[in-house]
């Protein structure tokens, strides 16, 4: 098949229209992929959509334009992309590691939990909270979208281990131990200051034990290599990387080396593929864009792009519109080069060849930077199933990637929970 035809076919599949030039084999492949995608229970294990829930004018029940609003997830687009379930992250960037800083972070985190629960209460006809795979499958049968909750960055728990139980009771079923900087729990893979503990801190070791006890999955995305190995050594249950990739395919500190992937498989865990293009493929730098973006963010008093959403919540509605307009103008003048679905599935291929089909899934990081040229938001998720079929993955394989592997880990962690914790 000619290269020019492939993107056209991807675009046409959702509408049911195929150009006359598509051969019979290609039509059969697309039909097979569509059928598999419709039948599979699909889960994305990481999205930062809660940062948008309090944005003036954002409505999760309406189909938002991804490029005009810089949002990648809403219920209509989940349906369009055949995405059944998604984990919404209670995310906080790293702040001051002081009693006051931790208290502020705790208050903000609880506010995000409240925003999620309020949204779900107000949209009960369209979506529902799940805390187990069984919940998810039950809700999915009703036609509703399924929302899980995870916590991204252990910073808001401070030194108070009881906050883990609080997060669990509010519905969180995993916690990413840190974010882009070291915290009091562990070293991060991207802290410019380097390692502080050479892995987990003494508090971090207690966090691992308590999360095991609660039945809360430990997420090693963002952690340093030494932290990863400490967690694997100490955790009595499988762990997850909710939004990461293979370092052999894209050499980024956030991705997992082959040795780490082998250790993850031995642990019984799973790595969920991140779709942030910089983690999928080495993108050539654009000094012009980087300089323009730095100037734009400084104009608004924002440290970096990741913290833009948090900063926006402090601005007036009028200023928020102006900041979004500035960002859209930046993208128009200096377009971001994005990786593709093919590039992303190269990670899946590598992981499967290295450790088998049972340890990989999808965790795009939509609304937190995740975006590909041909999977720009959740509405285009079917393109992945097409590529899986194209590369020879079976229906069973694809079902494992979309939810089977992750749910296996989730059940294993849940099973380890003491009887007195279940249902509480």
Protein backbone atom coordinates (compact mmCIF):
# COMPACT_ATOMS: atom_id res chain seq x y z
CA UNK A 1 0.00 0.00 0.00
CA UNK A 2 1.31 3.47 -0.86
CA UNK A 3 2.42 5.58 2.10
CA UNK A 4 0.11 8.46 1.21
CA UNK A 5 -2.94 6.25 1.58
CA UNK A 6 -2.42 5.13 5.19
CA UNK A 7 -3.29 8.42 6.98
CA UNK A 8 -6.26 8.84 4.68
CA UNK A 9 -7.60 5.44 5.67
CA UNK A 10 -7.18 6.23 9.37
CA UNK A 11 -9.14 9.43 8.96
CA UNK A 12 -11.88 7.75 6.95
CA UNK A 13 -12.43 4.75 9.20
CA UNK A 14 -14.44 6.61 11.83
CA UNK A 15 -16.91 7.83 9.19
CA UNK A 16 -17.23 4.44 7.54
CA UNK A 17 -16.04 5.90 4.22
CA UNK A 18 -13.16 4.23 2.39
CA UNK A 19 -11.62 5.55 -0.82
CA UNK A 20 -11.99 3.41 -3.91
CA UNK A 21 -8.21 3.02 -4.03
CA UNK A 22 -8.21 1.02 -0.78
CA UNK A 23 -7.63 -2.61 -1.68
CA UNK A 24 -9.70 -5.45 -0.32
CA UNK A 25 -7.02 -6.57 2.15
CA UNK A 26 -6.85 -3.10 3.64
CA UNK A 27 -10.63 -2.88 3.92
CA UNK A 28 -10.66 -6.23 5.71
CA UNK A 29 -7.92 -5.10 8.10
CA UNK A 30 -9.76 -1.91 8.99
CA UNK A 31 -13.02 -3.78 9.45
CA UNK A 32 -11.29 -6.30 11.73
CA UNK A 33 -9.67 -3.52 13.78
CA UNK A 34 -12.94 -1.67 14.17
CA UNK A 35 -14.67 -4.81 15.42
CA UNK A 36 -11.89 -5.59 17.91
CA UNK A 37 -11.85 -2.00 19.18
CA UNK A 38 -15.61 -1.98 19.70
CA UNK A 39 -15.50 -5.24 21.67
CA UNK A 40 -12.40 -4.56 23.79
CA UNK A 41 -12.74 -2.82 27.15
CA UNK A 42 -10.35 0.09 26.77
CA UNK A 43 -8.56 1.89 29.61
CA UNK A 44 -6.21 4.88 29.64
CA UNK A 45 -4.39 4.98 32.97
CA UNK A 46 -3.33 8.63 33.10
CA UNK A 47 -4.95 11.95 32.16
CA UNK A 48 -4.68 15.39 33.77
CA UNK A 49 -8.26 16.38 32.91
CA UNK A 50 -9.07 17.45 36.51
CA UNK A 51 -6.94 20.56 35.90
CA UNK A 52 -9.58 21.62 33.37
CA UNK A 53 -12.68 20.90 35.45
CA UNK A 54 -12.58 24.30 37.12
CA UNK A 55 -11.68 26.18 33.93
CA UNK A 56 -14.41 28.70 33.06
CA UNK A 57 -16.28 27.51 29.98
CA UNK A 58 -14.96 23.95 30.01
CA UNK A 59 -17.75 21.36 29.89
CA UNK A 60 -16.74 17.71 30.06
CA UNK A 61 -20.13 16.66 28.67
CA UNK A 62 -19.57 18.64 25.43
CA UNK A 63 -17.23 17.83 22.57
CA UNK A 64 -14.42 20.36 22.87
CA UNK A 65 -12.08 21.22 20.02
CA UNK A 66 -8.66 19.90 21.02
CA UNK A 67 -6.69 22.59 19.23
CA UNK A 68 -8.93 25.51 20.11
CA UNK A 69 -9.27 24.61 23.80
CA UNK A 70 -6.05 22.64 24.41
CA UNK A 71 -8.17 19.91 26.01
CA UNK A 72 -7.86 16.27 25.00
CA UNK A 73 -10.55 14.49 27.04
CA UNK A 74 -14.30 14.79 27.41
CA UNK A 75 -17.14 12.26 27.43
CA UNK A 76 -18.20 12.70 23.76
CA UNK A 77 -14.62 12.30 22.52
CA UNK A 78 -14.16 9.24 24.74
CA UNK A 79 -17.18 7.71 23.01
CA UNK A 80 -15.93 8.73 19.58
CA UNK A 81 -12.55 7.11 20.25
CA UNK A 82 -14.06 4.02 21.82
CA UNK A 83 -12.42 4.71 25.20
CA UNK A 84 -14.39 3.09 28.00
CA UNK A 85 -12.40 4.15 31.06
CA UNK A 86 -9.78 6.66 32.11
CA UNK A 87 -7.82 7.52 35.23
CA UNK A 88 -8.07 11.18 36.18
CA UNK A 89 -5.00 12.35 38.04
CA UNK A 90 -5.06 14.45 41.18
CA UNK A 91 -1.87 16.24 40.14
CA UNK A 92 0.22 18.78 41.99
CA UNK A 93 3.58 20.06 40.88
CA UNK A 94 6.36 20.03 43.44
CA UNK A 95 6.30 22.96 45.83
CA UNK A 96 8.13 23.97 49.02
CA UNK A 97 9.06 20.99 51.17
CA UNK A 98 8.01 22.69 54.39
CA UNK A 99 5.13 22.05 56.81
CA UNK A 100 3.34 25.03 55.27
CA UNK A 101 4.04 23.82 51.74
CA UNK A 102 2.75 20.33 52.49
CA UNK A 103 -0.38 21.71 54.15
CA UNK A 104 -1.11 23.93 51.15
CA UNK A 105 -0.57 20.99 48.80
CA UNK A 106 -2.87 18.79 50.87
CA UNK A 107 -5.62 21.40 50.73
CA UNK A 108 -5.22 21.76 46.97
CA UNK A 109 -5.25 17.98 46.44
CA UNK A 110 -8.42 17.56 48.46
CA UNK A 111 -9.94 20.39 46.41
CA UNK A 112 -9.14 18.47 43.20
CA UNK A 113 -10.76 15.33 44.63
CA UNK A 114 -13.80 17.45 45.43
CA UNK A 115 -13.90 18.84 41.88
CA UNK A 116 -13.82 15.31 40.46
CA UNK A 117 -16.58 14.05 42.73
CA UNK A 118 -18.70 17.14 42.07
CA UNK A 119 -18.28 16.69 38.32
CA UNK A 120 -19.27 13.03 38.53
CA UNK A 121 -22.27 13.85 40.71
CA UNK A 122 -23.40 16.46 38.18
CA UNK A 123 -22.86 14.14 35.20
CA UNK A 124 -24.13 10.89 36.72
CA UNK A 125 -26.11 10.08 33.58
CA UNK A 126 -22.91 9.99 31.53
CA UNK A 127 -20.09 8.80 33.78
CA UNK A 128 -19.45 7.05 37.07
CA UNK A 129 -16.56 6.49 39.45
CA UNK A 130 -14.98 3.04 39.60
CA UNK A 131 -12.50 1.71 42.14
CA UNK A 132 -12.18 -1.88 40.89
CA UNK A 133 -12.09 -3.66 37.52
CA UNK A 134 -15.43 -5.21 38.42
CA UNK A 135 -16.92 -1.74 38.92
CA UNK A 136 -15.54 -0.65 35.57
CA UNK A 137 -17.00 -3.57 33.63
CA UNK A 138 -20.38 -3.14 35.34
CA UNK A 139 -20.50 0.59 34.58
CA UNK A 140 -19.27 0.01 31.04
CA UNK A 141 -22.22 -2.25 30.31
CA UNK A 142 -24.57 0.68 31.01
CA UNK A 143 -22.92 2.75 28.27
CA UNK A 144 -21.51 5.29 30.72
CA UNK A 145 -17.88 6.37 30.69
CA UNK A 146 -15.83 5.00 33.58
CA UNK A 147 -13.68 7.32 35.69
CA UNK A 148 -10.93 6.05 37.97
CA UNK A 149 -8.76 8.29 40.15
CA UNK A 150 -5.01 8.33 40.69
CA UNK A 151 -2.77 10.74 42.61
CA UNK A 152 0.22 12.14 40.73
CA UNK A 153 2.99 13.16 43.14
CA UNK A 154 3.09 12.06 46.78
CA UNK A 155 3.95 15.62 47.80
CA UNK A 156 0.50 16.52 49.24
CA UNK A 157 0.64 13.69 51.82
CA UNK A 158 3.62 15.41 53.45
CA UNK A 159 4.87 13.13 56.22
CA UNK A 160 1.38 11.99 57.21
CA UNK A 161 0.93 8.34 56.20
CA UNK A 162 -2.76 8.54 57.17
CA UNK A 163 -3.30 10.74 54.11
CA UNK A 164 -2.80 7.65 51.94
CA UNK A 165 -5.89 6.13 53.53
CA UNK A 166 -7.71 9.44 52.98
CA UNK A 167 -6.78 9.39 49.28
CA UNK A 168 -7.81 5.73 49.04
CA UNK A 169 -11.18 6.45 50.67
CA UNK A 170 -11.75 9.26 48.17
CA UNK A 171 -11.31 6.75 45.35
CA UNK A 172 -7.61 6.90 44.46
CA UNK A 173 -6.24 3.53 43.41
CA UNK A 174 -2.68 4.51 42.60
CA UNK A 175 -0.20 7.17 43.59
CA UNK A 176 2.78 8.33 41.52
CA UNK A 177 5.49 8.67 44.17
CA UNK A 178 6.98 11.92 42.83
CA UNK A 179 6.88 14.25 39.86
CA UNK A 180 9.62 16.19 38.06
CA UNK A 181 11.55 17.01 41.26
CA UNK A 182 12.68 15.09 44.32
CA UNK A 183 10.26 15.13 47.22
CA UNK A 184 10.35 13.76 50.77
CA UNK A 185 9.45 10.27 49.49
CA UNK A 186 12.03 9.63 46.78
CA UNK A 187 14.32 10.83 44.03
CA UNK A 188 12.83 11.92 40.70
CA UNK A 189 14.24 10.97 37.30
CA UNK A 190 14.36 14.62 36.20
CA UNK A 191 15.44 16.69 39.20
CA UNK A 192 18.25 18.98 37.93
CA UNK A 193 19.93 18.74 41.34
CA UNK A 194 20.34 14.98 40.96
CA UNK A 195 19.78 12.24 43.54
CA UNK A 196 19.08 13.09 47.15
CA UNK A 197 18.49 9.65 48.70
CA UNK A 198 19.83 7.34 45.98
CA UNK A 199 16.28 5.96 45.78
CA UNK A 200 13.56 5.92 48.41
CA UNK A 201 13.88 7.95 51.59
CA UNK A 202 13.08 6.28 54.95
CA UNK A 203 9.62 7.89 54.62
CA UNK A 204 9.36 6.46 51.12
CA UNK A 205 9.96 2.95 52.42
CA UNK A 206 7.05 3.44 54.83
CA UNK A 207 4.91 4.76 51.97
CA UNK A 208 5.54 1.59 49.94
CA UNK A 209 4.55 -0.61 52.89
CA UNK A 210 1.41 1.40 53.62
CA UNK A 211 0.30 1.45 49.98
CA UNK A 212 0.76 -2.32 49.86
CA UNK A 213 -1.37 -2.61 53.00
CA UNK A 214 -4.11 -0.39 51.62
CA UNK A 215 -4.25 -2.07 48.23
CA UNK A 216 -3.17 1.10 46.42
CA UNK A 217 -1.00 0.59 43.35
CA UNK A 218 2.48 2.11 43.47
CA UNK A 219 3.22 4.14 40.35
CA UNK A 220 6.89 4.47 39.38
CA UNK A 221 6.44 6.88 36.47
CA UNK A 222 8.69 9.91 37.08
CA UNK A 223 10.89 8.19 39.68
CA UNK A 224 14.65 7.77 39.33
CA UNK A 225 16.14 4.43 38.34
CA UNK A 226 17.39 3.82 41.89
CA UNK A 227 13.95 4.62 43.30
CA UNK A 228 12.43 2.16 40.84
CA UNK A 229 14.71 -0.64 42.03
CA UNK A 230 14.01 0.19 45.69
CA UNK A 231 10.27 -0.06 45.03
CA UNK A 232 10.60 -3.36 43.16
CA UNK A 233 12.68 -4.73 46.04
CA UNK A 234 10.26 -3.65 48.77
CA UNK A 235 6.81 -4.01 47.21
CA UNK A 236 5.05 -7.26 47.97
CA UNK A 237 2.68 -6.79 45.02
CA UNK A 238 3.04 -5.85 41.33
CA UNK A 239 3.73 -2.19 40.56
CA UNK A 240 2.76 0.06 37.66
CA UNK A 241 4.30 2.77 35.52
CA UNK A 242 1.08 4.62 34.67
CA UNK A 243 2.55 6.73 31.85
CA UNK A 244 6.06 5.81 30.69
CA UNK A 245 7.90 4.27 27.74
CA UNK A 246 10.92 2.27 26.61
CA UNK A 247 14.27 4.04 26.92
CA UNK A 248 15.73 1.84 24.18
CA UNK A 249 13.31 3.48 21.72
CA UNK A 250 13.47 7.03 23.09
CA UNK A 251 16.41 7.89 25.34
CA UNK A 252 14.66 10.08 27.91
CA UNK A 253 15.16 9.91 31.71
CA UNK A 254 11.41 9.36 32.14
CA UNK A 255 11.49 6.09 30.22
CA UNK A 256 12.44 2.63 31.50
CA UNK A 257 15.66 0.84 30.54
CA UNK A 258 15.55 -2.76 29.34
CA UNK A 259 16.84 -3.94 32.72
CA UNK A 260 14.07 -2.00 34.46
CA UNK A 261 11.48 -3.51 32.13
CA UNK A 262 12.80 -6.99 32.92
CA UNK A 263 12.60 -6.25 36.65
CA UNK A 264 9.05 -4.93 36.18
CA UNK A 265 8.04 -8.15 34.44
CA UNK A 266 9.62 -10.27 37.18
CA UNK A 267 7.63 -8.21 39.70
CA UNK A 268 4.46 -8.94 37.69
CA UNK A 269 3.88 -5.27 36.95
CA UNK A 270 2.86 -3.30 33.89
CA UNK A 271 4.11 -0.25 31.98
CA UNK A 272 1.47 1.97 30.39
CA UNK A 273 2.61 3.84 27.27
CA UNK A 274 2.87 7.63 27.54
CA UNK A 275 2.00 9.58 24.37
CA UNK A 276 3.87 12.78 25.16
CA UNK A 277 5.85 13.09 21.93
CA UNK A 278 9.16 13.95 23.63
CA UNK A 279 8.99 10.58 25.43
CA UNK A 280 7.92 8.69 22.31
CA UNK A 281 10.53 9.94 19.85
CA UNK A 282 13.57 12.19 19.97
CA UNK A 283 12.19 15.39 18.45
CA UNK A 284 14.70 17.79 16.88
CA UNK A 285 14.97 20.93 19.02
CA UNK A 286 13.43 24.19 17.86
CA UNK A 287 15.40 27.04 19.46
CA UNK A 288 12.97 29.58 18.03
CA UNK A 289 9.96 27.92 19.63
CA UNK A 290 11.74 27.32 22.93
CA UNK A 291 12.76 30.98 23.16
CA UNK A 292 9.28 32.20 22.22
CA UNK A 293 7.63 29.83 24.72
CA UNK A 294 9.99 30.87 27.50
CA UNK A 295 9.23 34.54 26.85
CA UNK A 296 5.48 33.91 26.75
CA UNK A 297 5.46 31.94 30.01
CA UNK A 298 7.63 34.54 31.75
CA UNK A 299 5.17 37.19 30.63
CA UNK A 300 2.49 35.37 32.61
CA UNK A 301 4.71 34.45 35.54
CA UNK A 302 4.59 30.73 34.73
CA UNK A 303 7.65 28.56 35.43
CA UNK A 304 7.12 25.95 32.71
CA UNK A 305 4.45 24.53 30.43
CA UNK A 306 3.48 21.75 32.86
CA UNK A 307 2.65 24.29 35.55
CA UNK A 308 0.61 26.44 33.17
CA UNK A 309 -2.72 24.86 34.12
CA UNK A 310 -2.17 25.45 37.82
CA UNK A 311 -1.12 29.03 37.19
CA UNK A 312 -4.19 29.64 35.01
CA UNK A 313 -6.52 28.77 37.87
CA UNK A 314 -5.22 31.83 39.72
CA UNK A 315 -5.93 34.20 36.81
CA UNK A 316 -9.16 36.01 36.04
CA UNK A 317 -11.39 34.50 33.36
CA UNK A 318 -10.37 37.28 30.96
CA UNK A 319 -6.65 36.68 31.58
CA UNK A 320 -7.11 32.93 31.16
CA UNK A 321 -8.56 33.56 27.71
CA UNK A 322 -5.63 35.82 26.86
CA UNK A 323 -3.08 33.23 28.02
CA UNK A 324 -4.75 30.48 25.99
CA UNK A 325 -4.82 32.81 22.96
CA UNK A 326 -1.09 33.48 23.42
CA UNK A 327 -0.39 29.76 23.55
CA UNK A 328 -2.48 29.07 20.46
CA UNK A 329 -0.63 31.83 18.61
CA UNK A 330 2.67 30.28 19.67
CA UNK A 331 1.59 26.89 18.29
CA UNK A 332 0.47 28.52 15.06
CA UNK A 333 3.74 30.42 14.58
CA UNK A 334 6.01 27.61 15.78
CA UNK A 335 4.16 24.30 15.28
CA UNK A 336 5.20 21.43 17.53
CA UNK A 337 6.58 18.41 15.69
CA UNK A 338 4.69 15.41 17.01
CA UNK A 339 5.49 11.72 17.04
CA UNK A 340 3.02 9.31 15.40
CA UNK A 341 1.03 6.22 16.34
CA UNK A 342 3.63 4.16 14.48
CA UNK A 343 6.38 5.67 16.61
CA UNK A 344 4.42 4.90 19.79
CA UNK A 345 3.69 1.31 18.82
CA UNK A 346 7.42 0.84 18.29
CA UNK A 347 7.61 1.07 22.10
CA UNK A 348 4.91 -1.58 22.46
CA UNK A 349 6.75 -3.84 20.02
CA UNK A 350 10.02 -3.45 21.88
CA UNK A 351 8.47 -4.12 25.28
CA UNK A 352 6.55 -7.17 24.03
CA UNK A 353 9.66 -8.64 22.39
CA UNK A 354 11.67 -8.04 25.55
CA UNK A 355 9.29 -9.12 28.34
CA UNK A 356 6.14 -10.47 26.70
CA UNK A 357 2.62 -9.29 25.98
CA UNK A 358 1.46 -9.40 29.62
CA UNK A 359 3.22 -6.27 30.87
CA UNK A 360 2.17 -3.34 28.68
CA UNK A 361 -0.82 -1.02 28.31
CA UNK A 362 -1.87 2.56 27.51
CA UNK A 363 -1.51 5.70 29.67
CA UNK A 364 -1.38 8.68 27.32
CA UNK A 365 -0.94 11.64 29.70
CA UNK A 366 -3.61 13.53 27.76
CA UNK A 367 -4.25 17.01 29.16
CA UNK A 368 -0.75 16.81 30.64
CA UNK A 369 1.17 17.05 27.36
CA UNK A 370 0.28 13.77 25.66
CA UNK A 371 -0.48 14.15 21.95
CA UNK A 372 0.53 12.48 18.69
CA UNK A 373 0.08 13.72 15.14
CA UNK A 374 -2.53 11.03 14.46
CA UNK A 375 -3.77 10.52 18.02
CA UNK A 376 -4.10 14.10 19.18
CA UNK A 377 -6.83 13.36 21.68
CA UNK A 378 -8.97 10.46 22.93
CA UNK A 379 -11.27 10.64 19.89
CA UNK A 380 -8.52 9.05 17.76
CA UNK A 381 -7.68 6.10 19.98
CA UNK A 382 -8.98 3.59 17.43
CA UNK A 383 -5.88 4.35 15.36
CA UNK A 384 -3.86 2.35 17.89
CA UNK A 385 -5.96 -0.75 17.42
CA UNK A 386 -5.58 -0.39 13.66
CA UNK A 387 -1.80 -0.30 14.06
CA UNK A 388 -1.85 -3.27 16.45
CA UNK A 389 -3.79 -5.31 13.91
CA UNK A 390 -1.48 -4.13 11.13
CA UNK A 391 1.50 -5.46 13.09
CA UNK A 392 -0.06 -8.83 13.70
CA UNK A 393 -1.29 -8.56 17.27
CA UNK A 394 -4.17 -10.94 17.96
CA UNK A 395 -7.54 -9.98 19.42
CA UNK A 396 -6.42 -11.48 22.74
CA UNK A 397 -3.16 -9.52 22.64
CA UNK A 398 -5.00 -6.27 21.94
CA UNK A 399 -7.46 -6.86 24.75
CA UNK A 400 -4.52 -7.37 27.12
CA UNK A 401 -2.93 -4.11 26.02
CA UNK A 402 -6.14 -2.13 26.36
CA UNK A 403 -7.10 -3.32 29.85
CA UNK A 404 -6.37 -6.98 30.57
CA UNK A 405 -2.82 -6.49 31.81
CA UNK A 406 -3.61 -3.47 33.94
CA UNK A 407 -6.70 -5.05 35.45
CA UNK A 408 -4.65 -8.15 36.30
CA UNK A 409 -2.27 -5.99 38.33
CA UNK A 410 -5.12 -4.03 39.87
CA UNK A 411 -6.78 -7.25 41.04
CA UNK A 412 -3.50 -8.61 42.43
CA UNK A 413 -2.96 -5.44 44.48
CA UNK A 414 -6.58 -5.44 45.62
CA UNK A 415 -6.34 -9.11 46.63
CA UNK A 416 -3.44 -8.29 48.95
CA UNK A 417 -5.60 -5.84 50.92
CA UNK A 418 -6.37 -7.00 54.50
CA UNK A 419 -9.98 -8.06 55.03
CA UNK A 420 -10.67 -5.16 57.37
CA UNK A 421 -9.81 -2.68 54.59
CA UNK A 422 -12.15 -4.06 51.96
CA UNK A 423 -15.23 -1.91 51.44
CA UNK A 424 -13.89 0.84 53.67
